Amino acid sequence: MLKKLIKYTDYNGTERQENFYFNLNKAELMEMETEVTGGMRQLLGLIMEKQDVPKIMSAFKTIILKAYGEKSPDGRVFNKSEELSNAFAHTEAYSELYMELLSDAKKASQFITALMPEEMRGASEAEDVLTPVEKKDKNTKETEQNDGNVHLLNASK
């Protein structure tokens, strides 16, 4: 799970700084892998290799909106729905995140890797992509990303 602090100006001109949550569980990742011939990883690799900007933009929008949700206070449920995703897509916070990921390949890579459950991240891939990373303990389950740096948080927070 990724907890991402996003700074933005809302439609009333008020500057805001809020935490937003993103997560793709194992079942969702498997579903995404099987929706595309060759798998989502292969598709993303080809899109990036060819620098197909419209497809890159579409892929990031899909990933962000599929991953967005609201965590229950007790941490047992991560609520997702078309309504929640649609509401988020119509905020300046979404716009800020989307533009950040499109304009910085390292941040985009960190974001996508942080969405995955830790056990699904390749050990060497996670080391390469998630720098700087500070692992606090074995119970770490949530990742926080502020200003392009990714830090793992203790799940008890």
C-alpha atoms as a PDB file:
ATOM      1  CA  MET A   1       0.000   0.000   0.000  1.00  0.00           C
ATOM      2  CA  LEU A   2       1.234   3.438  -0.890  1.00  0.00           C
ATOM      3  CA  LYS A   3       0.422   6.497   1.184  1.00  0.00           C
ATOM      4  CA  LYS A   4       1.216   9.478  -1.054  1.00  0.00           C
ATOM      5  CA  LEU A   5       1.324  13.054   0.159  1.00  0.00           C
ATOM      6  CA  ILE A   6       0.119  15.326  -2.641  1.00  0.00           C
ATOM      7  CA  LYS A   7       0.295  19.117  -2.590  1.00  0.00           C
ATOM      8  CA  TYR A   8      -2.219  20.895  -4.800  1.00  0.00           C
ATOM      9  CA  THR A   9      -4.471  23.927  -5.108  1.00  0.00           C
ATOM     10  CA  ASP A  10      -8.180  23.113  -5.047  1.00  0.00           C
ATOM     11  CA  TYR A  11     -10.870  24.735  -7.193  1.00  0.00           C
ATOM     12  CA  ASN A  12     -11.465  27.438  -4.548  1.00  0.00           C
ATOM     13  CA  GLY A  13      -7.810  28.487  -4.770  1.00  0.00           C
ATOM     14  CA  THR A  14      -6.955  26.905  -1.404  1.00  0.00           C
ATOM     15  CA  GLU A  15      -3.538  25.272  -1.180  1.00  0.00           C
ATOM     16  CA  ARG A  16      -3.864  21.783   0.232  1.00  0.00           C
ATOM     17  CA  GLN A  17      -1.583  18.963   1.276  1.00  0.00           C
ATOM     18  CA  GLU A  18      -3.296  15.592   1.724  1.00  0.00           C
ATOM     19  CA  ASN A  19      -2.446  11.935   1.970  1.00  0.00           C
ATOM     20  CA  PHE A  20      -3.974   9.651  -0.649  1.00  0.00           C
ATOM     21  CA  TYR A  21      -3.863   5.853  -0.660  1.00  0.00           C
ATOM     22  CA  PHE A  22      -3.093   3.501  -3.541  1.00  0.00           C
ATOM     23  CA  ASN A  23      -2.918  -0.272  -3.550  1.00  0.00           C
ATOM     24  CA  LEU A  24      -3.078  -3.215  -5.917  1.00  0.00           C
ATOM     25  CA  ASN A  25      -3.516  -6.542  -4.167  1.00  0.00           C
ATOM     26  CA  LYS A  26      -2.377  -9.885  -5.576  1.00  0.00           C
ATOM     27  CA  ALA A  27      -5.771 -10.681  -7.118  1.00  0.00           C
ATOM     28  CA  GLU A  28      -5.977  -7.282  -8.837  1.00  0.00           C
ATOM     29  CA  LEU A  29      -2.449  -7.619 -10.204  1.00  0.00           C
ATOM     30  CA  MET A  30      -3.192 -11.107 -11.525  1.00  0.00           C
ATOM     31  CA  GLU A  31      -6.344  -9.784 -13.176  1.00  0.00           C
ATOM     32  CA  MET A  32      -4.396  -6.953 -14.822  1.00  0.00           C
ATOM     33  CA  GLU A  33      -1.721  -9.409 -16.011  1.00  0.00           C
ATOM     34  CA  THR A  34      -4.293 -11.659 -17.677  1.00  0.00           C
ATOM     35  CA  GLU A  35      -6.317  -8.821 -19.271  1.00  0.00           C
ATOM     36  CA  VAL A  36      -3.512  -8.124 -21.758  1.00  0.00           C
ATOM     37  CA  THR A  37      -1.840 -10.586 -24.125  1.00  0.00           C
ATOM     38  CA  GLY A  38       1.711 -11.115 -22.878  1.00  0.00           C
ATOM     39  CA  GLY A  39       0.864  -9.528 -19.528  1.00  0.00           C
ATOM     40  CA  MET A  40       0.781  -5.981 -18.204  1.00  0.00           C
ATOM     41  CA  ARG A  41       4.529  -5.936 -17.468  1.00  0.00           C
ATOM     42  CA  GLN A  42       5.398  -6.814 -21.053  1.00  0.00           C
ATOM     43  CA  LEU A  43       2.908  -4.274 -22.389  1.00  0.00           C
ATOM     44  CA  LEU A  44       4.303  -1.497 -20.165  1.00  0.00           C
ATOM     45  CA  GLY A  45       7.842  -2.420 -21.225  1.00  0.00           C
ATOM     46  CA  LEU A  46       6.941  -2.202 -24.917  1.00  0.00           C
ATOM     47  CA  ILE A  47       5.059   1.070 -24.464  1.00  0.00           C
ATOM     48  CA  MET A  48       8.014   2.626 -22.632  1.00  0.00           C
ATOM     49  CA  GLU A  49      10.527   1.263 -25.138  1.00  0.00           C
ATOM     50  CA  LYS A  50       8.613   2.713 -28.095  1.00  0.00           C
ATOM     51  CA  GLN A  51       7.916   5.963 -26.213  1.00  0.00           C
ATOM     52  CA  ASP A  52       4.264   5.726 -27.287  1.00  0.00           C
ATOM     53  CA  VAL A  53       3.077   8.812 -25.379  1.00  0.00           C
ATOM     54  CA  PRO A  54      -0.698   8.341 -25.809  1.00  0.00           C
ATOM     55  CA  LYS A  55      -0.444   4.727 -24.591  1.00  0.00           C
ATOM     56  CA  ILE A  56       1.844   5.721 -21.715  1.00  0.00           C
ATOM     57  CA  MET A  57      -0.688   8.348 -20.635  1.00  0.00           C
ATOM     58  CA  SER A  58      -3.567   5.883 -20.866  1.00  0.00           C
ATOM     59  CA  ALA A  59      -1.654   3.202 -18.935  1.00  0.00           C
ATOM     60  CA  PHE A  60      -0.802   5.591 -16.080  1.00  0.00           C
ATOM     61  CA  LYS A  61      -4.386   6.810 -15.837  1.00  0.00           C
ATOM     62  CA  THR A  62      -5.643   3.217 -15.662  1.00  0.00           C
ATOM     63  CA  ILE A  63      -3.086   2.193 -13.030  1.00  0.00           C
ATOM     64  CA  ILE A  64      -3.653   5.255 -10.825  1.00  0.00           C
ATOM     65  CA  LEU A  65      -7.434   4.917 -10.889  1.00  0.00           C
ATOM     66  CA  LYS A  66      -7.416   1.126 -10.356  1.00  0.00           C
ATOM     67  CA  ALA A  67      -5.092   1.561  -7.371  1.00  0.00           C
ATOM     68  CA  TYR A  68      -6.860   4.520  -5.714  1.00  0.00           C
ATOM     69  CA  GLY A  69      -9.036   3.898  -2.686  1.00  0.00           C
ATOM     70  CA  GLU A  70      -9.794   4.776   0.904  1.00  0.00           C
ATOM     71  CA  LYS A  71      -8.394   2.765   3.801  1.00  0.00           C
ATOM     72  CA  SER A  72     -10.739   1.985   6.681  1.00  0.00           C
ATOM     73  CA  PRO A  73      -9.646   3.399  10.060  1.00  0.00           C
ATOM     74  CA  ASP A  74      -8.925  -0.116  11.370  1.00  0.00           C
ATOM     75  CA  GLY A  75      -6.896  -0.992   8.239  1.00  0.00           C
ATOM     76  CA  ARG A  76      -8.932  -4.117   7.485  1.00  0.00           C
ATOM     77  CA  VAL A  77     -10.605  -2.809   4.327  1.00  0.00           C
ATOM     78  CA  PHE A  78      -9.363  -0.814   1.360  1.00  0.00           C
ATOM     79  CA  ASN A  79     -12.479   0.551  -0.322  1.00  0.00           C
ATOM     80  CA  LYS A  80     -12.433   1.019  -4.082  1.00  0.00           C
ATOM     81  CA  SER A  81     -15.231   1.842  -6.471  1.00  0.00           C
ATOM     82  CA  GLU A  82     -15.835   3.570  -9.773  1.00  0.00           C
ATOM     83  CA  GLU A  83     -17.431   6.426  -7.833  1.00  0.00           C
ATOM     84  CA  LEU A  84     -14.350   6.909  -5.617  1.00  0.00           C
ATOM     85  CA  SER A  85     -11.973   6.680  -8.588  1.00  0.00           C
ATOM     86  CA  ASN A  86     -14.108   9.048 -10.650  1.00  0.00           C
ATOM     87  CA  ALA A  87     -14.260  11.601  -7.825  1.00  0.00           C
ATOM     88  CA  PHE A  88     -10.463  11.396  -7.378  1.00  0.00           C
ATOM     89  CA  ALA A  89      -9.908  11.741 -11.139  1.00  0.00           C
ATOM     90  CA  HIS A  90     -11.719  15.081 -11.001  1.00  0.00           C
ATOM     91  CA  THR A  91      -9.424  16.615  -8.379  1.00  0.00           C
ATOM     92  CA  GLU A  92      -6.314  18.693  -8.799  1.00  0.00           C
ATOM     93  CA  ALA A  93      -4.537  16.139  -6.593  1.00  0.00           C
ATOM     94  CA  TYR A  94      -5.019  13.548  -9.356  1.00  0.00           C
ATOM     95  CA  SER A  95      -3.806  16.049 -11.944  1.00  0.00           C
ATOM     96  CA  GLU A  96      -0.650  16.767  -9.909  1.00  0.00           C
ATOM     97  CA  LEU A  97       0.105  13.055  -9.457  1.00  0.00           C
ATOM     98  CA  TYR A  98      -0.580  12.219 -13.096  1.00  0.00           C
ATOM     99  CA  MET A  99       1.705  14.984 -14.380  1.00  0.00           C
ATOM    100  CA  GLU A 100       4.429  14.047 -11.883  1.00  0.00           C
ATOM    101  CA  LEU A 101       4.438  10.429 -13.058  1.00  0.00           C
ATOM    102  CA  LEU A 102       4.424  11.366 -16.740  1.00  0.00           C
ATOM    103  CA  SER A 103       7.279  13.818 -16.355  1.00  0.00           C
ATOM    104  CA  ASP A 104       9.622  11.752 -14.167  1.00  0.00           C
ATOM    105  CA  ALA A 105      10.356   8.128 -15.104  1.00  0.00           C
ATOM    106  CA  LYS A 106      12.072   7.387 -11.774  1.00  0.00           C
ATOM    107  CA  LYS A 107       9.082   8.589  -9.754  1.00  0.00           C
ATOM    108  CA  ALA A 108       6.759   6.639 -12.038  1.00  0.00           C
ATOM    109  CA  SER A 109       8.784   3.480 -11.527  1.00  0.00           C
ATOM    110  CA  GLN A 110       8.844   4.008  -7.759  1.00  0.00           C
ATOM    111  CA  PHE A 111       5.091   4.594  -7.700  1.00  0.00           C
ATOM    112  CA  ILE A 112       4.247   1.456  -9.671  1.00  0.00           C
ATOM    113  CA  THR A 113       6.623  -0.724  -7.655  1.00  0.00           C
ATOM    114  CA  ALA A 114       5.264   0.639  -4.347  1.00  0.00           C
ATOM    115  CA  LEU A 115       1.715  -0.380  -5.363  1.00  0.00           C
ATOM    116  CA  MET A 116       2.644  -4.048  -5.441  1.00  0.00           C
ATOM    117  CA  PRO A 117       2.547  -6.311  -2.389  1.00  0.00           C
ATOM    118  CA  GLU A 118       6.113  -6.663  -1.091  1.00  0.00           C
ATOM    119  CA  GLU A 119       6.235 -10.401  -1.783  1.00  0.00           C
ATOM    120  CA  MET A 120       5.449  -9.757  -5.473  1.00  0.00           C
ATOM    121  CA  ARG A 121       8.262  -7.279  -5.987  1.00  0.00           C
ATOM    122  CA  GLY A 122      11.384  -8.857  -7.457  1.00  0.00           C
ATOM    123  CA  ALA A 123      14.127  -8.637  -4.844  1.00  0.00           C
ATOM    124  CA  SER A 124      16.674  -7.028  -7.166  1.00  0.00           C
ATOM    125  CA  GLU A 125      14.006  -4.956  -8.928  1.00  0.00           C
ATOM    126  CA  ALA A 126      12.771  -3.512  -5.619  1.00  0.00           C
ATOM    127  CA  GLU A 127      16.332  -2.673  -4.600  1.00  0.00           C
ATOM    128  CA  ASP A 128      16.993  -0.866  -7.891  1.00  0.00           C
ATOM    129  CA  VAL A 129      13.680   0.941  -8.186  1.00  0.00           C
ATOM    130  CA  LEU A 130      13.000   1.879  -4.586  1.00  0.00           C
ATOM    131  CA  THR A 131      16.010   3.984  -3.766  1.00  0.00           C
ATOM    132  CA  PRO A 132      16.243   5.520  -1.262  1.00  0.00           C
ATOM    133  CA  VAL A 133      14.383   2.975   0.877  1.00  0.00           C
ATOM    134  CA  GLU A 134      14.632   2.536   4.598  1.00  0.00           C
ATOM    135  CA  LYS A 135      13.220  -0.741   5.862  1.00  0.00           C
ATOM    136  CA  LYS A 136      12.166  -0.433   9.494  1.00  0.00           C
ATOM    137  CA  ASP A 137      11.085  -3.983  10.425  1.00  0.00           C
ATOM    138  CA  LYS A 138       9.530  -7.208   9.147  1.00  0.00           C
ATOM    139  CA  ASN A 139       5.990  -5.953   9.851  1.00  0.00           C
ATOM    140  CA  THR A 140       6.326  -3.158   7.311  1.00  0.00           C
ATOM    141  CA  LYS A 141       3.371  -3.164   4.945  1.00  0.00           C
ATOM    142  CA  GLU A 142       2.744   0.403   3.870  1.00  0.00           C
ATOM    143  CA  THR A 143       4.874   2.700   1.767  1.00  0.00           C
ATOM    144  CA  GLU A 144       4.874   6.478   1.955  1.00  0.00           C
ATOM    145  CA  GLN A 145       6.057   8.638  -0.917  1.00  0.00           C
ATOM    146  CA  ASN A 146       6.761  12.346  -0.486  1.00  0.00           C
ATOM    147  CA  ASP A 147       8.664  14.507  -2.945  1.00  0.00           C
ATOM    148  CA  GLY A 148       9.876  11.497  -4.913  1.00  0.00           C
ATOM    149  CA  ASN A 149      11.395   9.610  -1.994  1.00  0.00           C
ATOM    150  CA  VAL A 150       9.878   6.315  -0.938  1.00  0.00           C
ATOM    151  CA  HIS A 151       9.939   5.237   2.702  1.00  0.00           C
ATOM    152  CA  LEU A 152       8.425   2.104   4.168  1.00  0.00           C
ATOM    153  CA  LEU A 153       6.159   2.732   7.148  1.00  0.00           C
ATOM    154  CA  ASN A 154       5.427   0.494  10.088  1.00  0.00           C
ATOM    155  CA  ALA A 155       1.956  -1.008   9.570  1.00  0.00           C
ATOM    156  CA  SER A 156       0.975  -0.168  13.151  1.00  0.00           C
ATOM    157  CA  LYS A 157       0.872   3.561  12.360  1.00  0.00           C
END
